[in-house]
All heavy atoms as atom14 arrays in JSON, in Angstrom:
{
  "sequence": "VLAAAVKQENSQVVILPKSGLCDAMGARAAAKLGASIVSGVTELPD",
  "atom14_mask": [
    [1, 1, 1, 1, 1, 1, 1, 0, 0, 0, 0, 0, 0, 0],
    [1, 1, 1, 1, 1, 1, 1, 1, 0, 0, 0, 0, 0, 0],
    [1, 1, 1, 1, 1, 0, 0, 0, 0, 0, 0, 0, 0, 0],
    [1, 1, 1, 1, 1, 0, 0, 0, 0, 0, 0, 0, 0, 0],
    [1, 1, 1, 1, 1, 0, 0, 0, 0, 0, 0, 0, 0, 0],
    [1, 1, 1, 1, 1, 1, 1, 0, 0, 0, 0, 0, 0, 0],
    [1, 1, 1, 1, 1, 1, 1, 1, 1, 0, 0, 0, 0, 0],
    [1, 1, 1, 1, 1, 1, 1, 1, 1, 0, 0, 0, 0, 0],
    [1, 1, 1, 1, 1, 1, 1, 1, 1, 0, 0, 0, 0, 0],
    [1, 1, 1, 1, 1, 1, 1, 1, 0, 0, 0, 0, 0, 0],
    [1, 1, 1, 1, 1, 1, 0, 0, 0, 0, 0, 0, 0, 0],
    [1, 1, 1, 1, 1, 1, 1, 1, 1, 0, 0, 0, 0, 0],
    [1, 1, 1, 1, 1, 1, 1, 0, 0, 0, 0, 0, 0, 0],
    [1, 1, 1, 1, 1, 1, 1, 0, 0, 0, 0, 0, 0, 0],
    [1, 1, 1, 1, 1, 1, 1, 1, 0, 0, 0, 0, 0, 0],
    [1, 1, 1, 1, 1, 1, 1, 1, 0, 0, 0, 0, 0, 0],
    [1, 1, 1, 1, 1, 1, 1, 0, 0, 0, 0, 0, 0, 0],
    [1, 1, 1, 1, 1, 1, 1, 1, 1, 0, 0, 0, 0, 0],
    [1, 1, 1, 1, 1, 1, 0, 0, 0, 0, 0, 0, 0, 0],
    [1, 1, 1, 1, 0, 0, 0, 0, 0, 0, 0, 0, 0, 0],
    [1, 1, 1, 1, 1, 1, 1, 1, 0, 0, 0, 0, 0, 0],
    [1, 1, 1, 1, 1, 1, 0, 0, 0, 0, 0, 0, 0, 0],
    [1, 1, 1, 1, 1, 1, 1, 1, 0, 0, 0, 0, 0, 0],
    [1, 1, 1, 1, 1, 0, 0, 0, 0, 0, 0, 0, 0, 0],
    [1, 1, 1, 1, 1, 1, 1, 1, 0, 0, 0, 0, 0, 0],
    [1, 1, 1, 1, 0, 0, 0, 0, 0, 0, 0, 0, 0, 0],
    [1, 1, 1, 1, 1, 0, 0, 0, 0, 0, 0, 0, 0, 0],
    [1, 1, 1, 1, 1, 1, 1, 1, 1, 1, 1, 0, 0, 0],
    [1, 1, 1, 1, 1, 0, 0, 0, 0, 0, 0, 0, 0, 0],
    [1, 1, 1, 1, 1, 0, 0, 0, 0, 0, 0, 0, 0, 0],
    [1, 1, 1, 1, 1, 0, 0, 0, 0, 0, 0, 0, 0, 0],
    [1, 1, 1, 1, 1, 1, 1, 1, 1, 0, 0, 0, 0, 0],
    [1, 1, 1, 1, 1, 1, 1, 1, 0, 0, 0, 0, 0, 0],
    [1, 1, 1, 1, 0, 0, 0, 0, 0, 0, 0, 0, 0, 0],
    [1, 1, 1, 1, 1, 0, 0, 0, 0, 0, 0, 0, 0, 0],
    [1, 1, 1, 1, 1, 1, 0, 0, 0, 0, 0, 0, 0, 0],
    [1, 1, 1, 1, 1, 1, 1, 1, 0, 0, 0, 0, 0, 0],
    [1, 1, 1, 1, 1, 1, 1, 0, 0, 0, 0, 0, 0, 0],
    [1, 1, 1, 1, 1, 1, 0, 0, 0, 0, 0, 0, 0, 0],
    [1, 1, 1, 1, 0, 0, 0, 0, 0, 0, 0, 0, 0, 0],
    [1, 1, 1, 1, 1, 1, 1, 0, 0, 0, 0, 0, 0, 0],
    [1, 1, 1, 1, 1, 1, 1, 0, 0, 0, 0, 0, 0, 0],
    [1, 1, 1, 1, 1, 1, 1, 1, 1, 0, 0, 0, 0, 0],
    [1, 1, 1, 1, 1, 1, 1, 1, 0, 0, 0, 0, 0, 0],
    [1, 1, 1, 1, 1, 1, 1, 0, 0, 0, 0, 0, 0, 0],
    [1, 1, 1, 1, 1, 1, 1, 1, 0, 0, 0, 0, 0, 0]
  ],
  "atom14_positions": [
    [[114.11, 93.08, 103.43], [113.84, 94.05, 104.49], [112.34, 94.17, 104.73], [111.87, 94.19, 105.88], [114.44, 95.42, 104.14], [114.07, 96.46, 105.2], [115.96, 95.33, 104.01], [0.0, 0.0, 0.0], [0.0, 0.0, 0.0], [0.0, 0.0, 0.0], [0.0, 0.0, 0.0], [0.0, 0.0, 0.0], [0.0, 0.0, 0.0], [0.0, 0.0, 0.0]],
    [[111.57, 94.24, 103.64], [110.12, 94.34, 103.77], [109.55, 93.11, 104.47], [108.71, 93.23, 105.38], [109.49, 94.5, 102.38], [107.96, 94.59, 102.33], [107.46, 95.83, 103.08], [107.47, 94.63, 100.88], [0.0, 0.0, 0.0], [0.0, 0.0, 0.0], [0.0, 0.0, 0.0], [0.0, 0.0, 0.0], [0.0, 0.0, 0.0], [0.0, 0.0, 0.0]],
    [[110.01, 91.92, 104.08], [109.52, 90.69, 104.7], [109.85, 90.66, 106.19], [109.04, 90.24, 107.02], [110.11, 89.47, 103.99], [0.0, 0.0, 0.0], [0.0, 0.0, 0.0], [0.0, 0.0, 0.0], [0.0, 0.0, 0.0], [0.0, 0.0, 0.0], [0.0, 0.0, 0.0], [0.0, 0.0, 0.0], [0.0, 0.0, 0.0], [0.0, 0.0, 0.0]],
    [[111.06, 91.11, 106.54], [111.46, 91.14, 107.95], [110.59, 92.1, 108.74], [110.21, 91.82, 109.89], [112.93, 91.54, 108.06], [0.0, 0.0, 0.0], [0.0, 0.0, 0.0], [0.0, 0.0, 0.0], [0.0, 0.0, 0.0], [0.0, 0.0, 0.0], [0.0, 0.0, 0.0], [0.0, 0.0, 0.0], [0.0, 0.0, 0.0], [0.0, 0.0, 0.0]],
    [[110.24, 93.24, 108.14], [109.38, 94.21, 108.83], [107.98, 93.65, 109.04], [107.36, 93.86, 110.08], [109.32, 95.52, 108.04], [0.0, 0.0, 0.0], [0.0, 0.0, 0.0], [0.0, 0.0, 0.0], [0.0, 0.0, 0.0], [0.0, 0.0, 0.0], [0.0, 0.0, 0.0], [0.0, 0.0, 0.0], [0.0, 0.0, 0.0], [0.0, 0.0, 0.0]],
    [[107.48, 92.94, 108.04], [106.15, 92.32, 108.16], [106.13, 91.35, 109.33], [105.18, 91.33, 110.14], [105.77, 91.61, 106.84], [104.52, 90.75, 107.04], [105.53, 92.62, 105.73], [0.0, 0.0, 0.0], [0.0, 0.0, 0.0], [0.0, 0.0, 0.0], [0.0, 0.0, 0.0], [0.0, 0.0, 0.0], [0.0, 0.0, 0.0], [0.0, 0.0, 0.0]],
    [[107.19, 90.54, 109.44], [107.24, 89.56, 110.52], [107.39, 90.23, 111.87], [106.74, 89.83, 112.85], [108.4, 88.59, 110.26], [108.18, 87.7, 109.05], [109.41, 86.84, 108.77], [109.2, 85.97, 107.54], [110.41, 85.17, 107.21], [0.0, 0.0, 0.0], [0.0, 0.0, 0.0], [0.0, 0.0, 0.0], [0.0, 0.0, 0.0], [0.0, 0.0, 0.0]],
    [[108.24, 91.25, 111.96], [108.44, 91.93, 113.24], [107.16, 92.6, 113.73], [106.83, 92.54, 114.92], [109.54, 92.98, 113.12], [109.7, 93.83, 114.4], [110.77, 94.9, 114.27], [111.94, 94.58, 114.14], [110.37, 96.18, 114.31], [0.0, 0.0, 0.0], [0.0, 0.0, 0.0], [0.0, 0.0, 0.0], [0.0, 0.0, 0.0], [0.0, 0.0, 0.0]],
    [[106.45, 93.25, 112.79], [105.25, 94.0, 113.17], [103.98, 93.17, 113.14], [102.9, 93.67, 113.44], [105.09, 95.21, 112.23], [106.25, 96.19, 112.26], [106.41, 96.86, 113.61], [105.4, 97.35, 114.16], [107.55, 96.86, 114.12], [0.0, 0.0, 0.0], [0.0, 0.0, 0.0], [0.0, 0.0, 0.0], [0.0, 0.0, 0.0], [0.0, 0.0, 0.0]],
    [[104.12, 91.9, 112.75], [102.96, 91.01, 112.62], [101.87, 91.65, 111.75], [100.7, 91.73, 112.12], [102.39, 90.68, 114.01], [101.37, 89.55, 113.96], [101.43, 88.68, 113.07], [100.43, 89.55, 114.89], [0.0, 0.0, 0.0], [0.0, 0.0, 0.0], [0.0, 0.0, 0.0], [0.0, 0.0, 0.0], [0.0, 0.0, 0.0], [0.0, 0.0, 0.0]],
    [[102.3, 92.1, 110.58], [101.4, 92.83, 109.67], [100.54, 91.86, 108.86], [101.05, 90.88, 108.32], [102.21, 93.71, 108.72], [103.04, 94.58, 109.44], [0.0, 0.0, 0.0], [0.0, 0.0, 0.0], [0.0, 0.0, 0.0], [0.0, 0.0, 0.0], [0.0, 0.0, 0.0], [0.0, 0.0, 0.0], [0.0, 0.0, 0.0], [0.0, 0.0, 0.0]],
    [[99.27, 92.16, 108.78], [98.37, 91.36, 107.94], [98.15, 92.0, 106.57], [97.8, 91.31, 105.62], [97.01, 91.18, 108.63], [97.04, 90.26, 109.84], [97.59, 90.93, 111.07], [97.18, 92.05, 111.41], [98.51, 90.28, 111.75], [0.0, 0.0, 0.0], [0.0, 0.0, 0.0], [0.0, 0.0, 0.0], [0.0, 0.0, 0.0], [0.0, 0.0, 0.0]],
    [[98.34, 93.32, 106.48], [98.14, 94.03, 105.22], [99.37, 94.88, 104.94], [99.86, 95.59, 105.83], [96.88, 94.94, 105.26], [96.69, 95.62, 103.9], [95.65, 94.12, 105.62], [0.0, 0.0, 0.0], [0.0, 0.0, 0.0], [0.0, 0.0, 0.0], [0.0, 0.0, 0.0], [0.0, 0.0, 0.0], [0.0, 0.0, 0.0], [0.0, 0.0, 0.0]],
    [[99.88, 94.79, 103.71], [101.05, 95.56, 103.29], [100.64, 96.41, 102.09], [100.05, 95.89, 101.13], [102.24, 94.64, 102.91], [103.44, 95.48, 102.47], [102.59, 93.73, 104.07], [0.0, 0.0, 0.0], [0.0, 0.0, 0.0], [0.0, 0.0, 0.0], [0.0, 0.0, 0.0], [0.0, 0.0, 0.0], [0.0, 0.0, 0.0], [0.0, 0.0, 0.0]],
    [[100.95, 97.7, 102.13], [100.58, 98.62, 101.05], [101.85, 99.11, 100.36], [102.79, 99.56, 101.01], [99.8, 99.84, 101.59], [98.63, 99.39, 102.46], [99.33, 100.73, 100.44], [97.6, 98.54, 101.76], [0.0, 0.0, 0.0], [0.0, 0.0, 0.0], [0.0, 0.0, 0.0], [0.0, 0.0, 0.0], [0.0, 0.0, 0.0], [0.0, 0.0, 0.0]],
    [[101.85, 99.04, 99.03], [102.97, 99.5, 98.23], [102.48, 100.54, 97.23], [101.46, 100.32, 96.56], [103.62, 98.36, 97.46], [104.11, 97.15, 98.25], [104.64, 96.08, 97.3], [105.18, 97.54, 99.24], [0.0, 0.0, 0.0], [0.0, 0.0, 0.0], [0.0, 0.0, 0.0], [0.0, 0.0, 0.0], [0.0, 0.0, 0.0], [0.0, 0.0, 0.0]],
    [[103.19, 101.67, 97.08], [102.86, 102.6, 96.0], [103.26, 102.01, 94.66], [104.03, 101.04, 94.61], [103.69, 103.84, 96.34], [104.85, 103.31, 97.1], [104.35, 102.13, 97.88], [0.0, 0.0, 0.0], [0.0, 0.0, 0.0], [0.0, 0.0, 0.0], [0.0, 0.0, 0.0], [0.0, 0.0, 0.0], [0.0, 0.0, 0.0], [0.0, 0.0, 0.0]],
    [[102.76, 102.58, 93.59], [103.08, 102.09, 92.25], [104.43, 102.64, 91.8], [104.62, 103.85, 91.72], [101.99, 102.51, 91.27], [102.31, 102.21, 89.8], [102.44, 100.74, 89.54], [102.76, 100.46, 88.07], [103.04, 99.03, 87.82], [0.0, 0.0, 0.0], [0.0, 0.0, 0.0], [0.0, 0.0, 0.0], [0.0, 0.0, 0.0], [0.0, 0.0, 0.0]],
    [[105.37, 101.75, 91.52], [106.66, 102.13, 90.94], [107.35, 100.87, 90.45], [106.97, 99.74, 90.84], [107.55, 102.85, 91.96], [108.07, 101.95, 92.91], [0.0, 0.0, 0.0], [0.0, 0.0, 0.0], [0.0, 0.0, 0.0], [0.0, 0.0, 0.0], [0.0, 0.0, 0.0], [0.0, 0.0, 0.0], [0.0, 0.0, 0.0], [0.0, 0.0, 0.0]],
    [[108.37, 101.03, 89.63], [109.12, 99.87, 89.17], [109.78, 99.13, 90.31], [109.78, 97.89, 90.35], [0.0, 0.0, 0.0], [0.0, 0.0, 0.0], [0.0, 0.0, 0.0], [0.0, 0.0, 0.0], [0.0, 0.0, 0.0], [0.0, 0.0, 0.0], [0.0, 0.0, 0.0], [0.0, 0.0, 0.0], [0.0, 0.0, 0.0], [0.0, 0.0, 0.0]],
    [[110.33, 99.88, 91.27], [110.96, 99.26, 92.43], [109.95, 98.47, 93.25], [110.2, 97.31, 93.61], [111.61, 100.33, 93.29], [112.14, 99.87, 94.66], [113.26, 98.85, 94.5], [112.62, 101.06, 95.49], [0.0, 0.0, 0.0], [0.0, 0.0, 0.0], [0.0, 0.0, 0.0], [0.0, 0.0, 0.0], [0.0, 0.0, 0.0], [0.0, 0.0, 0.0]],
    [[108.8, 99.06, 93.52], [107.8, 98.39, 94.36], [107.21, 97.17, 93.66], [106.91, 96.16, 94.32], [106.71, 99.38, 94.76], [107.27, 100.62, 95.94], [0.0, 0.0, 0.0], [0.0, 0.0, 0.0], [0.0, 0.0, 0.0], [0.0, 0.0, 0.0], [0.0, 0.0, 0.0], [0.0, 0.0, 0.0], [0.0, 0.0, 0.0], [0.0, 0.0, 0.0]],
    [[107.03, 97.24, 92.35], [106.54, 96.07, 91.62], [107.5, 94.9, 91.79], [107.08, 93.75, 92.02], [106.38, 96.39, 90.13], [105.22, 97.33, 89.85], [104.42, 97.58, 90.77], [105.13, 97.83, 88.72], [0.0, 0.0, 0.0], [0.0, 0.0, 0.0], [0.0, 0.0, 0.0], [0.0, 0.0, 0.0], [0.0, 0.0, 0.0], [0.0, 0.0, 0.0]],
    [[108.8, 95.18, 91.67], [109.8, 94.12, 91.75], [109.94, 93.58, 93.17], [110.0, 92.36, 93.39], [111.15, 94.65, 91.24], [0.0, 0.0, 0.0], [0.0, 0.0, 0.0], [0.0, 0.0, 0.0], [0.0, 0.0, 0.0], [0.0, 0.0, 0.0], [0.0, 0.0, 0.0], [0.0, 0.0, 0.0], [0.0, 0.0, 0.0], [0.0, 0.0, 0.0]],
    [[110.01, 94.45, 94.15], [110.2, 94.0, 95.52], [108.94, 93.36, 96.09], [109.02, 92.41, 96.88], [110.67, 95.15, 96.41], [109.64, 96.23, 96.64], [110.24, 97.59, 97.72], [110.17, 96.83, 99.31], [0.0, 0.0, 0.0], [0.0, 0.0, 0.0], [0.0, 0.0, 0.0], [0.0, 0.0, 0.0], [0.0, 0.0, 0.0], [0.0, 0.0, 0.0]],
    [[107.76, 93.85, 95.67], [106.52, 93.3, 96.18], [106.34, 91.84, 95.82], [105.94, 91.02, 96.65], [0.0, 0.0, 0.0], [0.0, 0.0, 0.0], [0.0, 0.0, 0.0], [0.0, 0.0, 0.0], [0.0, 0.0, 0.0], [0.0, 0.0, 0.0], [0.0, 0.0, 0.0], [0.0, 0.0, 0.0], [0.0, 0.0, 0.0], [0.0, 0.0, 0.0]],
    [[106.63, 91.51, 94.56], [106.48, 90.12, 94.12], [107.44, 89.21, 94.88], [107.07, 88.09, 95.29], [106.75, 90.04, 92.61], [0.0, 0.0, 0.0], [0.0, 0.0, 0.0], [0.0, 0.0, 0.0], [0.0, 0.0, 0.0], [0.0, 0.0, 0.0], [0.0, 0.0, 0.0], [0.0, 0.0, 0.0], [0.0, 0.0, 0.0], [0.0, 0.0, 0.0]],
    [[108.66, 89.67, 95.09], [109.65, 88.86, 95.81], [109.28, 88.71, 97.28], [109.42, 87.63, 97.86], [111.04, 89.49, 95.66], [111.61, 89.35, 94.26], [112.84, 90.21, 94.04], [113.51, 89.92, 92.79], [113.14, 90.36, 91.6], [112.07, 91.16, 91.51], [113.79, 90.02, 90.5], [0.0, 0.0, 0.0], [0.0, 0.0, 0.0], [0.0, 0.0, 0.0]],
    [[108.78, 89.79, 97.88], [108.36, 89.7, 99.28], [107.17, 88.76, 99.44], [107.09, 88.01, 100.43], [108.01, 91.1, 99.8], [0.0, 0.0, 0.0], [0.0, 0.0, 0.0], [0.0, 0.0, 0.0], [0.0, 0.0, 0.0], [0.0, 0.0, 0.0], [0.0, 0.0, 0.0], [0.0, 0.0, 0.0], [0.0, 0.0, 0.0], [0.0, 0.0, 0.0]],
    [[106.26, 88.79, 98.47], [105.1, 87.88, 98.54], [105.55, 86.42, 98.53], [105.0, 85.58, 99.26], [104.16, 88.17, 97.37], [0.0, 0.0, 0.0], [0.0, 0.0, 0.0], [0.0, 0.0, 0.0], [0.0, 0.0, 0.0], [0.0, 0.0, 0.0], [0.0, 0.0, 0.0], [0.0, 0.0, 0.0], [0.0, 0.0, 0.0], [0.0, 0.0, 0.0]],
    [[106.55, 86.13, 97.71], [107.07, 84.76, 97.66], [107.72, 84.36, 98.99], [107.55, 83.24, 99.47], [108.07, 84.62, 96.52], [0.0, 0.0, 0.0], [0.0, 0.0, 0.0], [0.0, 0.0, 0.0], [0.0, 0.0, 0.0], [0.0, 0.0, 0.0], [0.0, 0.0, 0.0], [0.0, 0.0, 0.0], [0.0, 0.0, 0.0], [0.0, 0.0, 0.0]],
    [[108.46, 85.29, 99.59], [109.11, 85.01, 100.86], [108.11, 84.78, 101.98], [108.33, 83.96, 102.88], [110.04, 86.18, 101.24], [111.28, 86.33, 100.37], [112.05, 87.58, 100.77], [113.31, 87.76, 99.92], [114.33, 86.73, 100.22], [0.0, 0.0, 0.0], [0.0, 0.0, 0.0], [0.0, 0.0, 0.0], [0.0, 0.0, 0.0], [0.0, 0.0, 0.0]],
    [[106.99, 85.51, 101.94], [106.01, 85.47, 103.02], [104.86, 84.51, 102.77], [104.05, 84.27, 103.67], [105.43, 86.88, 103.23], [106.41, 87.96, 103.72], [105.8, 89.35, 103.52], [106.77, 87.73, 105.18], [0.0, 0.0, 0.0], [0.0, 0.0, 0.0], [0.0, 0.0, 0.0], [0.0, 0.0, 0.0], [0.0, 0.0, 0.0], [0.0, 0.0, 0.0]],
    [[104.76, 83.98, 101.55], [103.6, 83.17, 101.19], [102.33, 84.0, 101.2], [101.25, 83.53, 101.59], [0.0, 0.0, 0.0], [0.0, 0.0, 0.0], [0.0, 0.0, 0.0], [0.0, 0.0, 0.0], [0.0, 0.0, 0.0], [0.0, 0.0, 0.0], [0.0, 0.0, 0.0], [0.0, 0.0, 0.0], [0.0, 0.0, 0.0], [0.0, 0.0, 0.0]],
    [[102.46, 85.26, 100.78], [101.35, 86.21, 100.86], [100.56, 86.28, 99.55], [101.09, 85.95, 98.48], [101.89, 87.6, 101.19], [0.0, 0.0, 0.0], [0.0, 0.0, 0.0], [0.0, 0.0, 0.0], [0.0, 0.0, 0.0], [0.0, 0.0, 0.0], [0.0, 0.0, 0.0], [0.0, 0.0, 0.0], [0.0, 0.0, 0.0], [0.0, 0.0, 0.0]],
    [[99.32, 86.72, 99.65], [98.54, 87.07, 98.47], [98.97, 88.46, 98.02], [99.21, 89.33, 98.85], [97.05, 87.08, 98.79], [96.61, 85.81, 99.22], [0.0, 0.0, 0.0], [0.0, 0.0, 0.0], [0.0, 0.0, 0.0], [0.0, 0.0, 0.0], [0.0, 0.0, 0.0], [0.0, 0.0, 0.0], [0.0, 0.0, 0.0], [0.0, 0.0, 0.0]],
    [[99.07, 88.67, 96.71], [99.47, 89.99, 96.21], [98.54, 90.41, 95.08], [98.21, 89.6, 94.2], [100.94, 90.0, 95.75], [101.37, 91.4, 95.29], [101.22, 88.95, 94.69], [102.86, 91.56, 95.09], [0.0, 0.0, 0.0], [0.0, 0.0, 0.0], [0.0, 0.0, 0.0], [0.0, 0.0, 0.0], [0.0, 0.0, 0.0], [0.0, 0.0, 0.0]],
    [[98.1, 91.66, 95.13], [97.23, 92.23, 94.09], [97.82, 93.57, 93.68], [98.08, 94.42, 94.54], [95.78, 92.42, 94.6], [94.9, 92.94, 93.47], [95.23, 91.13, 95.17], [0.0, 0.0, 0.0], [0.0, 0.0, 0.0], [0.0, 0.0, 0.0], [0.0, 0.0, 0.0], [0.0, 0.0, 0.0], [0.0, 0.0, 0.0], [0.0, 0.0, 0.0]],
    [[98.01, 93.77, 92.39], [98.56, 95.03, 91.9], [97.48, 95.85, 91.21], [96.41, 95.34, 90.88], [99.71, 94.76, 90.91], [99.23, 94.03, 89.8], [0.0, 0.0, 0.0], [0.0, 0.0, 0.0], [0.0, 0.0, 0.0], [0.0, 0.0, 0.0], [0.0, 0.0, 0.0], [0.0, 0.0, 0.0], [0.0, 0.0, 0.0], [0.0, 0.0, 0.0]],
    [[97.77, 97.13, 90.99], [96.84, 97.99, 90.27], [95.56, 98.27, 91.01], [94.51, 98.53, 90.39], [0.0, 0.0, 0.0], [0.0, 0.0, 0.0], [0.0, 0.0, 0.0], [0.0, 0.0, 0.0], [0.0, 0.0, 0.0], [0.0, 0.0, 0.0], [0.0, 0.0, 0.0], [0.0, 0.0, 0.0], [0.0, 0.0, 0.0], [0.0, 0.0, 0.0]],
    [[95.59, 98.28, 92.35], [94.39, 98.51, 93.15], [93.96, 99.97, 93.03], [94.78, 100.88, 93.15], [94.65, 98.13, 94.63], [93.44, 98.47, 95.49], [94.99, 96.65, 94.74], [0.0, 0.0, 0.0], [0.0, 0.0, 0.0], [0.0, 0.0, 0.0], [0.0, 0.0, 0.0], [0.0, 0.0, 0.0], [0.0, 0.0, 0.0], [0.0, 0.0, 0.0]],
    [[92.69, 100.19, 92.8], [92.19, 101.54, 92.51], [91.29, 102.12, 93.59], [90.97, 103.31, 93.54], [91.4, 101.54, 91.19], [90.29, 100.63, 91.3], [92.29, 101.11, 90.02], [0.0, 0.0, 0.0], [0.0, 0.0, 0.0], [0.0, 0.0, 0.0], [0.0, 0.0, 0.0], [0.0, 0.0, 0.0], [0.0, 0.0, 0.0], [0.0, 0.0, 0.0]],
    [[90.86, 101.31, 94.56], [89.94, 101.79, 95.58], [90.27, 101.15, 96.92], [91.01, 100.16, 96.98], [88.48, 101.45, 95.23], [87.99, 102.04, 93.92], [86.59, 101.53, 93.57], [85.99, 100.83, 94.42], [86.12, 101.83, 92.48], [0.0, 0.0, 0.0], [0.0, 0.0, 0.0], [0.0, 0.0, 0.0], [0.0, 0.0, 0.0], [0.0, 0.0, 0.0]],
    [[89.71, 101.7, 97.99], [89.84, 101.07, 99.3], [89.14, 99.71, 99.3], [88.16, 99.51, 98.55], [89.25, 101.97, 100.37], [90.05, 103.22, 100.72], [89.21, 104.18, 101.55], [91.33, 102.86, 101.45], [0.0, 0.0, 0.0], [0.0, 0.0, 0.0], [0.0, 0.0, 0.0], [0.0, 0.0, 0.0], [0.0, 0.0, 0.0], [0.0, 0.0, 0.0]],
    [[89.61, 98.76, 100.08], [89.0, 97.42, 100.07], [87.58, 97.43, 100.62], [87.22, 98.25, 101.47], [89.94, 96.59, 100.94], [90.67, 97.59, 101.79], [90.79, 98.83, 100.97], [0.0, 0.0, 0.0], [0.0, 0.0, 0.0], [0.0, 0.0, 0.0], [0.0, 0.0, 0.0], [0.0, 0.0, 0.0], [0.0, 0.0, 0.0], [0.0, 0.0, 0.0]],
    [[86.8, 96.48, 100.13], [85.45, 96.25, 100.63], [85.56, 95.16, 101.7], [85.91, 94.02, 101.4], [84.55, 95.8, 99.48], [83.14, 95.46, 99.94], [82.84, 95.63, 101.15], [82.35, 94.98, 99.1], [0.0, 0.0, 0.0], [0.0, 0.0, 0.0], [0.0, 0.0, 0.0], [0.0, 0.0, 0.0], [0.0, 0.0, 0.0], [0.0, 0.0, 0.0]]
  ]
}
């Protein structure tokens, strides 16, 4: 569902809160989309 939403909205950046569910789905969505994924982010991007 997340991957489909990314494609529909043409999203370049996807934000996930920290949780067991989001950790699991985020990794799988990254594989589906060929996306870069970074966990444990603590600040806004530079």
